[in-house]
Amino acid sequence: MRVVVLGATGEMGGLVVDLLGARGHAVVPASRASGVDVLAAGLADVLRGADAVVDCLNVETLSRREAVSFFGGTASAVTTAARDAGVPHLVLTSIVGTTDPAVSRSTGYYAGKAVQEETHAAAAVPVSVVRSTAWFTLAETFLRQVRIGPVAVVPRMRLRPVHPAAVADLLVEVVVSGPSTGPAVTDGPAVHEVAGPDTTDSATMARAVATRDGEGVRVLSFPAPFRGMRHGLLPGPTARRDERGFADWVSRRSG
């Protein structure tokens, strides 16, 4: 298969590129570094002849305006270009709970992801959505997102975090299996979910990483201000369960 991975230099995009390549597929890593700016130039050319496109595009922001502009703009560009190029399958990387209004209202980032999913759901090509719970590596983001000197301020959210490799595994499985619906605009997207084995919270995850890194960071936590953030990021009963635990991941990455 010829598979184009958008956002190939990001964390998930890089994992997907490596995994597809290891399985013998013709992978086209697409990013600004390779001359593909989804919002400017190069997208139409790179999608021609693709058997599948994986959308791993991401922006790290808490700004609603920035998130909605980025995710809405890129999703519109990708779905339009895929239609025009005759791409038979789009696969989107998303987050458990994003389509819940209580979640999408909670932060600018989730509002942007909700717009991204809505745009893919209106695509004139078959779309599969892979939603995951928080990746283990998000704990590292918690520590740097809101910092006041040596203090990291982390809103407390209930999570069932998952190993990033499990998300990449599912994305590749969905790509190789091919579309299970017709155009998303008529049939709706096919939705797949994946989560880890244990329920914890964001502050506990951040403290574990701070202890591992030994940099003297103090984690100050508070209840997330919105109900959607407190409980809306847990998976549904049909989510695939990956057995790799967060505590084991932390210990393996220590030292």
C-alpha atoms as a PDB file:
ATOM      1  CA  MET A   1       0.000   0.000   0.000  1.00  0.00           C
ATOM      2  CA  ARG A   2       1.046   3.586  -0.608  1.00  0.00           C
ATOM      3  CA  VAL A   3       0.208   5.439   2.595  1.00  0.00           C
ATOM      4  CA  VAL A   4       0.633   9.173   3.152  1.00  0.00           C
ATOM      5  CA  VAL A   5       1.152  10.157   6.791  1.00  0.00           C
ATOM      6  CA  LEU A   6       0.377  13.801   7.512  1.00  0.00           C
ATOM      7  CA  GLY A   7       2.189  15.210  10.520  1.00  0.00           C
ATOM      8  CA  ALA A   8       4.935  12.651  10.049  1.00  0.00           C
ATOM      9  CA  THR A   9       7.462  14.486  12.231  1.00  0.00           C
ATOM     10  CA  GLY A  10       5.149  14.511  15.276  1.00  0.00           C
ATOM     11  CA  GLU A  11       5.114  11.867  17.992  1.00  0.00           C
ATOM     12  CA  MET A  12       2.270   9.743  16.597  1.00  0.00           C
ATOM     13  CA  GLY A  13       3.091  10.426  12.966  1.00  0.00           C
ATOM     14  CA  GLY A  14       6.644   9.201  13.501  1.00  0.00           C
ATOM     15  CA  LEU A  15       5.458   5.989  15.161  1.00  0.00           C
ATOM     16  CA  VAL A  16       3.007   5.296  12.337  1.00  0.00           C
ATOM     17  CA  VAL A  17       5.633   5.948   9.660  1.00  0.00           C
ATOM     18  CA  ASP A  18       8.077   3.535  11.309  1.00  0.00           C
ATOM     19  CA  LEU A  19       5.453   0.842  11.864  1.00  0.00           C
ATOM     20  CA  LEU A  20       4.098   0.966   8.313  1.00  0.00           C
ATOM     21  CA  GLY A  21       7.619   0.914   6.895  1.00  0.00           C
ATOM     22  CA  ALA A  22       8.557  -2.084   9.050  1.00  0.00           C
ATOM     23  CA  ARG A  23       5.557  -3.928   7.628  1.00  0.00           C
ATOM     24  CA  GLY A  24       6.668  -3.324   4.061  1.00  0.00           C
ATOM     25  CA  HIS A  25       4.302  -0.559   2.982  1.00  0.00           C
ATOM     26  CA  ALA A  26       5.327   2.356   0.777  1.00  0.00           C
ATOM     27  CA  VAL A  27       5.152   5.210   3.281  1.00  0.00           C
ATOM     28  CA  VAL A  28       5.185   8.868   2.297  1.00  0.00           C
ATOM     29  CA  PRO A  29       6.034  11.010   5.355  1.00  0.00           C
ATOM     30  CA  ALA A  30       4.437  14.398   4.759  1.00  0.00           C
ATOM     31  CA  SER A  31       5.279  17.485   6.792  1.00  0.00           C
ATOM     32  CA  ARG A  32       6.588  20.992   6.315  1.00  0.00           C
ATOM     33  CA  ALA A  33      10.068  19.487   6.440  1.00  0.00           C
ATOM     34  CA  SER A  34       9.245  17.475   3.298  1.00  0.00           C
ATOM     35  CA  GLY A  35       7.656  20.443   1.535  1.00  0.00           C
ATOM     36  CA  VAL A  36       4.026  19.711   2.394  1.00  0.00           C
ATOM     37  CA  ASP A  37       2.187  22.482   4.203  1.00  0.00           C
ATOM     38  CA  VAL A  38      -1.422  21.328   4.460  1.00  0.00           C
ATOM     39  CA  LEU A  39      -2.656  24.929   4.652  1.00  0.00           C
ATOM     40  CA  ALA A  40      -0.420  26.290   1.907  1.00  0.00           C
ATOM     41  CA  ALA A  41       1.192  24.008  -0.671  1.00  0.00           C
ATOM     42  CA  GLY A  42       2.128  20.480  -1.674  1.00  0.00           C
ATOM     43  CA  LEU A  43      -0.906  18.591  -0.362  1.00  0.00           C
ATOM     44  CA  ALA A  44      -2.637  17.840  -3.671  1.00  0.00           C
ATOM     45  CA  ASP A  45       0.547  16.450  -5.232  1.00  0.00           C
ATOM     46  CA  VAL A  46       1.439  14.154  -2.336  1.00  0.00           C
ATOM     47  CA  LEU A  47      -2.063  12.623  -2.145  1.00  0.00           C
ATOM     48  CA  ARG A  48      -2.185  11.499  -5.777  1.00  0.00           C
ATOM     49  CA  GLY A  49      -2.099   7.716  -5.986  1.00  0.00           C
ATOM     50  CA  ALA A  50      -2.407   7.190  -2.241  1.00  0.00           C
ATOM     51  CA  ASP A  51      -4.222   4.079  -1.029  1.00  0.00           C
ATOM     52  CA  ALA A  52      -4.748   5.671   2.376  1.00  0.00           C
ATOM     53  CA  VAL A  53      -3.998   8.900   4.211  1.00  0.00           C
ATOM     54  CA  VAL A  54      -3.386   9.084   7.967  1.00  0.00           C
ATOM     55  CA  ASP A  55      -4.084  12.471   9.553  1.00  0.00           C
ATOM     56  CA  CYS A  56      -1.737  12.839  12.549  1.00  0.00           C
ATOM     57  CA  LEU A  57      -1.633  16.632  12.358  1.00  0.00           C
ATOM     58  CA  ASN A  58      -1.461  18.358  15.725  1.00  0.00           C
ATOM     59  CA  VAL A  59      -0.887  21.679  17.428  1.00  0.00           C
ATOM     60  CA  GLU A  60      -0.048  22.063  21.118  1.00  0.00           C
ATOM     61  CA  THR A  61      -2.142  24.978  22.361  1.00  0.00           C
ATOM     62  CA  LEU A  62      -4.710  25.962  24.975  1.00  0.00           C
ATOM     63  CA  SER A  63      -6.070  28.769  22.780  1.00  0.00           C
ATOM     64  CA  ARG A  64      -9.553  28.065  21.415  1.00  0.00           C
ATOM     65  CA  ARG A  65      -9.046  30.379  18.466  1.00  0.00           C
ATOM     66  CA  GLU A  66      -5.730  28.793  17.499  1.00  0.00           C
ATOM     67  CA  ALA A  67      -6.966  25.221  17.949  1.00  0.00           C
ATOM     68  CA  VAL A  68     -10.213  25.697  16.025  1.00  0.00           C
ATOM     69  CA  SER A  69      -8.405  27.555  13.243  1.00  0.00           C
ATOM     70  CA  PHE A  70      -5.701  24.904  12.918  1.00  0.00           C
ATOM     71  CA  PHE A  71      -7.791  21.742  13.227  1.00  0.00           C
ATOM     72  CA  GLY A  72     -10.735  23.125  11.256  1.00  0.00           C
ATOM     73  CA  GLY A  73      -8.509  24.520   8.520  1.00  0.00           C
ATOM     74  CA  THR A  74      -6.336  21.444   8.117  1.00  0.00           C
ATOM     75  CA  ALA A  75      -9.306  19.047   8.218  1.00  0.00           C
ATOM     76  CA  SER A  76     -11.081  21.017   5.505  1.00  0.00           C
ATOM     77  CA  ALA A  77      -7.954  21.073   3.351  1.00  0.00           C
ATOM     78  CA  VAL A  78      -7.258  17.360   3.847  1.00  0.00           C
ATOM     79  CA  THR A  79     -10.804  16.139   3.167  1.00  0.00           C
ATOM     80  CA  THR A  80     -11.140  18.338   0.069  1.00  0.00           C
ATOM     81  CA  ALA A  81      -7.772  17.271  -1.328  1.00  0.00           C
ATOM     82  CA  ALA A  82      -8.544  13.606  -0.594  1.00  0.00           C
ATOM     83  CA  ARG A  83     -11.826  13.850  -2.483  1.00  0.00           C
ATOM     84  CA  ASP A  84     -10.183  15.552  -5.449  1.00  0.00           C
ATOM     85  CA  ALA A  85      -7.344  12.980  -5.531  1.00  0.00           C
ATOM     86  CA  GLY A  86      -9.726  10.011  -5.275  1.00  0.00           C
ATOM     87  CA  VAL A  87      -8.188   8.774  -2.024  1.00  0.00           C
ATOM     88  CA  PRO A  88     -10.137   5.652  -0.972  1.00  0.00           C
ATOM     89  CA  HIS A  89      -9.561   5.899   2.794  1.00  0.00           C
ATOM     90  CA  LEU A  90      -8.839   8.647   5.324  1.00  0.00           C
ATOM     91  CA  VAL A  91      -7.776   7.679   8.855  1.00  0.00           C
ATOM     92  CA  LEU A  92      -7.942  10.320  11.585  1.00  0.00           C
ATOM     93  CA  THR A  93      -6.136  10.319  14.926  1.00  0.00           C
ATOM     94  CA  SER A  94      -8.472  11.683  17.596  1.00  0.00           C
ATOM     95  CA  ILE A  95      -9.289  11.637  21.320  1.00  0.00           C
ATOM     96  CA  VAL A  96     -11.869   9.764  23.391  1.00  0.00           C
ATOM     97  CA  GLY A  97     -14.643  12.136  24.473  1.00  0.00           C
ATOM     98  CA  THR A  98     -13.985  14.848  21.914  1.00  0.00           C
ATOM     99  CA  THR A  99     -17.496  14.728  20.456  1.00  0.00           C
ATOM    100  CA  ASP A 100     -19.098  15.170  23.919  1.00  0.00           C
ATOM    101  CA  PRO A 101     -20.135  18.861  24.142  1.00  0.00           C
ATOM    102  CA  ALA A 102     -19.187  18.890  27.826  1.00  0.00           C
ATOM    103  CA  VAL A 103     -15.646  18.001  26.793  1.00  0.00           C
ATOM    104  CA  SER A 104     -15.355  20.215  23.716  1.00  0.00           C
ATOM    105  CA  ARG A 105     -16.506  23.231  25.745  1.00  0.00           C
ATOM    106  CA  SER A 106     -13.878  22.601  28.421  1.00  0.00           C
ATOM    107  CA  THR A 107     -10.714  23.734  26.626  1.00  0.00           C
ATOM    108  CA  GLY A 108      -9.721  25.310  23.360  1.00  0.00           C
ATOM    109  CA  TYR A 109      -7.762  22.217  22.325  1.00  0.00           C
ATOM    110  CA  TYR A 110     -10.771  19.904  22.626  1.00  0.00           C
ATOM    111  CA  ALA A 111     -12.935  22.443  20.809  1.00  0.00           C
ATOM    112  CA  GLY A 112     -10.477  22.281  17.923  1.00  0.00           C
ATOM    113  CA  LYS A 113     -10.463  18.478  17.903  1.00  0.00           C
ATOM    114  CA  ALA A 114     -14.263  18.470  17.876  1.00  0.00           C
ATOM    115  CA  VAL A 115     -14.278  20.673  14.770  1.00  0.00           C
ATOM    116  CA  GLN A 116     -11.690  18.396  13.174  1.00  0.00           C
ATOM    117  CA  GLU A 117     -13.876  15.322  13.721  1.00  0.00           C
ATOM    118  CA  GLU A 118     -16.987  17.137  12.469  1.00  0.00           C
ATOM    119  CA  THR A 119     -15.169  18.110   9.280  1.00  0.00           C
ATOM    120  CA  HIS A 120     -13.909  14.574   8.649  1.00  0.00           C
ATOM    121  CA  ALA A 121     -17.420  13.242   9.308  1.00  0.00           C
ATOM    122  CA  ALA A 122     -18.675  15.401   6.427  1.00  0.00           C
ATOM    123  CA  ALA A 123     -16.030  14.146   3.993  1.00  0.00           C
ATOM    124  CA  ALA A 124     -16.982  12.762   0.602  1.00  0.00           C
ATOM    125  CA  VAL A 125     -14.561   9.845   1.100  1.00  0.00           C
ATOM    126  CA  PRO A 126     -14.590   6.905   3.546  1.00  0.00           C
ATOM    127  CA  VAL A 127     -13.212   7.933   6.938  1.00  0.00           C
ATOM    128  CA  SER A 128     -12.082   5.908   9.951  1.00  0.00           C
ATOM    129  CA  VAL A 129     -11.524   7.656  13.275  1.00  0.00           C
ATOM    130  CA  VAL A 130      -9.145   6.192  15.857  1.00  0.00           C
ATOM    131  CA  ARG A 131      -9.838   7.728  19.259  1.00  0.00           C
ATOM    132  CA  SER A 132      -7.479   7.088  22.124  1.00  0.00           C
ATOM    133  CA  THR A 133      -7.362   8.050  25.742  1.00  0.00           C
ATOM    134  CA  ALA A 134      -4.457  10.223  26.935  1.00  0.00           C
ATOM    135  CA  TRP A 135      -1.073   8.895  25.861  1.00  0.00           C
ATOM    136  CA  PHE A 136       1.432   8.150  28.618  1.00  0.00           C
ATOM    137  CA  THR A 137       3.670  10.892  27.240  1.00  0.00           C
ATOM    138  CA  LEU A 138       0.998  13.506  27.974  1.00  0.00           C
ATOM    139  CA  ALA A 139       2.270  13.417  31.569  1.00  0.00           C
ATOM    140  CA  GLU A 140       5.399  15.178  30.311  1.00  0.00           C
ATOM    141  CA  THR A 141       3.233  17.846  28.674  1.00  0.00           C
ATOM    142  CA  PHE A 142       1.344  18.376  31.951  1.00  0.00           C
ATOM    143  CA  LEU A 143       4.636  19.303  33.625  1.00  0.00           C
ATOM    144  CA  ARG A 144       5.538  22.026  31.143  1.00  0.00           C
ATOM    145  CA  GLN A 145       2.148  23.375  30.037  1.00  0.00           C
ATOM    146  CA  VAL A 146       1.502  25.724  32.975  1.00  0.00           C
ATOM    147  CA  ARG A 147       4.693  26.433  34.923  1.00  0.00           C
ATOM    148  CA  ILE A 148       5.430  28.996  37.610  1.00  0.00           C
ATOM    149  CA  GLY A 149       9.124  28.527  38.285  1.00  0.00           C
ATOM    150  CA  PRO A 150       9.560  25.057  39.804  1.00  0.00           C
ATOM    151  CA  VAL A 151       5.794  24.576  40.191  1.00  0.00           C
ATOM    152  CA  ALA A 152       3.690  22.814  37.546  1.00  0.00           C
ATOM    153  CA  VAL A 153      -0.034  23.541  37.785  1.00  0.00           C
ATOM    154  CA  VAL A 154      -2.088  20.560  36.621  1.00  0.00           C
ATOM    155  CA  PRO A 155      -5.897  20.313  36.489  1.00  0.00           C
ATOM    156  CA  ARG A 156      -6.973  16.979  37.967  1.00  0.00           C
ATOM    157  CA  MET A 157      -8.727  14.792  35.380  1.00  0.00           C
ATOM    158  CA  ARG A 158      -9.704  11.119  35.541  1.00  0.00           C
ATOM    159  CA  LEU A 159      -7.916   9.236  32.779  1.00  0.00           C
ATOM    160  CA  ARG A 160      -7.205   5.732  31.538  1.00  0.00           C
ATOM    161  CA  PRO A 161      -3.923   6.482  29.807  1.00  0.00           C
ATOM    162  CA  VAL A 162      -2.581   4.354  26.987  1.00  0.00           C
ATOM    163  CA  HIS A 163       0.847   3.543  25.576  1.00  0.00           C
ATOM    164  CA  PRO A 164       1.440   5.575  22.364  1.00  0.00           C
ATOM    165  CA  ALA A 165       2.573   2.393  20.614  1.00  0.00           C
ATOM    166  CA  ALA A 166      -0.901   0.889  21.151  1.00  0.00           C
ATOM    167  CA  VAL A 167      -2.444   3.834  19.330  1.00  0.00           C
ATOM    168  CA  ALA A 168       0.007   3.483  16.449  1.00  0.00           C
ATOM    169  CA  ASP A 169      -0.736  -0.264  16.286  1.00  0.00           C
ATOM    170  CA  LEU A 170      -4.457   0.405  15.935  1.00  0.00           C
ATOM    171  CA  LEU A 171      -3.963   3.151  13.362  1.00  0.00           C
ATOM    172  CA  VAL A 172      -1.876   0.840  11.192  1.00  0.00           C
ATOM    173  CA  GLU A 173      -4.356  -2.013  11.636  1.00  0.00           C
ATOM    174  CA  VAL A 174      -7.190   0.249  10.465  1.00  0.00           C
ATOM    175  CA  VAL A 175      -5.142   1.454   7.492  1.00  0.00           C
ATOM    176  CA  VAL A 176      -4.290  -2.080   6.368  1.00  0.00           C
ATOM    177  CA  SER A 177      -7.872  -3.340   6.868  1.00  0.00           C
ATOM    178  CA  GLY A 178      -9.221  -0.626   4.582  1.00  0.00           C
ATOM    179  CA  PRO A 179     -12.467   1.320   4.856  1.00  0.00           C
ATOM    180  CA  SER A 180     -15.510  -0.333   6.419  1.00  0.00           C
ATOM    181  CA  THR A 181     -17.997   2.336   5.329  1.00  0.00           C
ATOM    182  CA  GLY A 182     -18.757   4.392   2.284  1.00  0.00           C
ATOM    183  CA  PRO A 183     -18.203   8.149   2.169  1.00  0.00           C
ATOM    184  CA  ALA A 184     -18.372   9.608   5.654  1.00  0.00           C
ATOM    185  CA  VAL A 185     -20.905  12.227   4.606  1.00  0.00           C
ATOM    186  CA  THR A 186     -23.460   9.493   3.824  1.00  0.00           C
ATOM    187  CA  ASP A 187     -22.490   6.537   6.030  1.00  0.00           C
ATOM    188  CA  GLY A 188     -20.700   8.282   8.872  1.00  0.00           C
ATOM    189  CA  PRO A 189     -17.124   7.484   9.892  1.00  0.00           C
ATOM    190  CA  ALA A 190     -16.065   4.140  11.333  1.00  0.00           C
ATOM    191  CA  VAL A 191     -14.966   4.754  14.930  1.00  0.00           C
ATOM    192  CA  HIS A 192     -12.366   2.734  16.877  1.00  0.00           C
ATOM    193  CA  GLU A 193     -11.276   3.380  20.476  1.00  0.00           C
ATOM    194  CA  VAL A 194      -8.260   2.261  22.472  1.00  0.00           C
ATOM    195  CA  ALA A 195      -7.358   2.752  26.140  1.00  0.00           C
ATOM    196  CA  GLY A 196      -4.888   1.504  28.709  1.00  0.00           C
ATOM    197  CA  PRO A 197      -5.624  -0.867  31.607  1.00  0.00           C
ATOM    198  CA  ASP A 198      -5.639   1.456  34.626  1.00  0.00           C
ATOM    199  CA  THR A 199      -7.661   4.471  35.732  1.00  0.00           C
ATOM    200  CA  THR A 200      -5.632   7.262  37.321  1.00  0.00           C
ATOM    201  CA  ASP A 201      -5.567  11.060  37.143  1.00  0.00           C
ATOM    202  CA  SER A 202      -3.467  13.685  35.420  1.00  0.00           C
ATOM    203  CA  ALA A 203      -1.817  14.993  38.601  1.00  0.00           C
ATOM    204  CA  THR A 204      -0.690  11.516  39.658  1.00  0.00           C
ATOM    205  CA  MET A 205       0.803  10.976  36.202  1.00  0.00           C
ATOM    206  CA  ALA A 206       2.624  14.315  36.324  1.00  0.00           C
ATOM    207  CA  ARG A 207       4.039  13.600  39.787  1.00  0.00           C
ATOM    208  CA  ALA A 208       5.314  10.197  38.663  1.00  0.00           C
ATOM    209  CA  VAL A 209       7.216  11.756  35.771  1.00  0.00           C
ATOM    210  CA  ALA A 210       8.534  14.593  37.971  1.00  0.00           C
ATOM    211  CA  THR A 211       9.868  12.014  40.437  1.00  0.00           C
ATOM    212  CA  ARG A 212      11.387   9.982  37.608  1.00  0.00           C
ATOM    213  CA  ASP A 213      13.191  13.001  36.147  1.00  0.00           C
ATOM    214  CA  GLY A 214      14.426  14.229  39.528  1.00  0.00           C
ATOM    215  CA  GLU A 215      14.324  17.907  38.559  1.00  0.00           C
ATOM    216  CA  GLY A 216      12.662  19.156  41.744  1.00  0.00           C
ATOM    217  CA  VAL A 217       9.388  20.068  40.036  1.00  0.00           C
ATOM    218  CA  ARG A 218       6.455  20.389  42.426  1.00  0.00           C
ATOM    219  CA  VAL A 219       3.022  19.511  41.038  1.00  0.00           C
ATOM    220  CA  LEU A 220       0.164  21.659  42.283  1.00  0.00           C
ATOM    221  CA  SER A 221      -3.190  20.170  41.305  1.00  0.00           C
ATOM    222  CA  PHE A 222      -6.776  21.352  41.469  1.00  0.00           C
ATOM    223  CA  PRO A 223     -10.087  19.852  40.324  1.00  0.00           C
ATOM    224  CA  ALA A 224     -10.619  20.498  36.617  1.00  0.00           C
ATOM    225  CA  PRO A 225     -13.044  23.418  36.331  1.00  0.00           C
ATOM    226  CA  PHE A 226     -15.399  21.713  33.858  1.00  0.00           C
ATOM    227  CA  ARG A 227     -17.313  18.463  34.295  1.00  0.00           C
ATOM    228  CA  GLY A 228     -16.227  17.320  30.863  1.00  0.00           C
ATOM    229  CA  MET A 229     -12.572  17.533  31.854  1.00  0.00           C
ATOM    230  CA  ARG A 230     -13.092  15.784  35.181  1.00  0.00           C
ATOM    231  CA  HIS A 231     -14.815  12.645  33.895  1.00  0.00           C
ATOM    232  CA  GLY A 232     -15.413  12.941  30.143  1.00  0.00           C
ATOM    233  CA  LEU A 233     -12.075  11.544  28.971  1.00  0.00           C
ATOM    234  CA  LEU A 234     -12.676   7.952  30.068  1.00  0.00           C
ATOM    235  CA  PRO A 235     -13.350   5.381  27.319  1.00  0.00           C
ATOM    236  CA  GLY A 236     -16.603   3.630  26.571  1.00  0.00           C
ATOM    237  CA  PRO A 237     -17.178  -0.071  27.252  1.00  0.00           C
ATOM    238  CA  THR A 238     -16.271  -1.156  23.714  1.00  0.00           C
ATOM    239  CA  ALA A 239     -12.794   0.408  23.665  1.00  0.00           C
ATOM    240  CA  ARG A 240      -9.881  -1.909  22.954  1.00  0.00           C
ATOM    241  CA  ARG A 241      -7.822  -2.451  26.111  1.00  0.00           C
ATOM    242  CA  ASP A 242      -4.041  -2.417  25.828  1.00  0.00           C
ATOM    243  CA  GLU A 243      -2.398  -4.100  28.825  1.00  0.00           C
ATOM    244  CA  ARG A 244       0.740  -1.961  29.060  1.00  0.00           C
ATOM    245  CA  GLY A 245       0.529   0.071  32.278  1.00  0.00           C
ATOM    246  CA  PHE A 246       1.628   3.642  32.947  1.00  0.00           C
ATOM    247  CA  ALA A 247       3.691   2.783  36.046  1.00  0.00           C
ATOM    248  CA  ASP A 248       5.705   0.218  34.102  1.00  0.00           C
ATOM    249  CA  TRP A 249       6.283   2.732  31.296  1.00  0.00           C
ATOM    250  CA  VAL A 250       7.586   5.287  33.795  1.00  0.00           C
ATOM    251  CA  SER A 251       9.966   2.790  35.392  1.00  0.00           C
ATOM    252  CA  ARG A 252      11.295   1.605  32.049  1.00  0.00           C
ATOM    253  CA  ARG A 253      12.070   5.176  30.991  1.00  0.00           C
ATOM    254  CA  SER A 254      13.803   6.114  34.240  1.00  0.00           C
ATOM    255  CA  GLY A 255      17.541   6.673  34.386  1.00  0.00           C
END
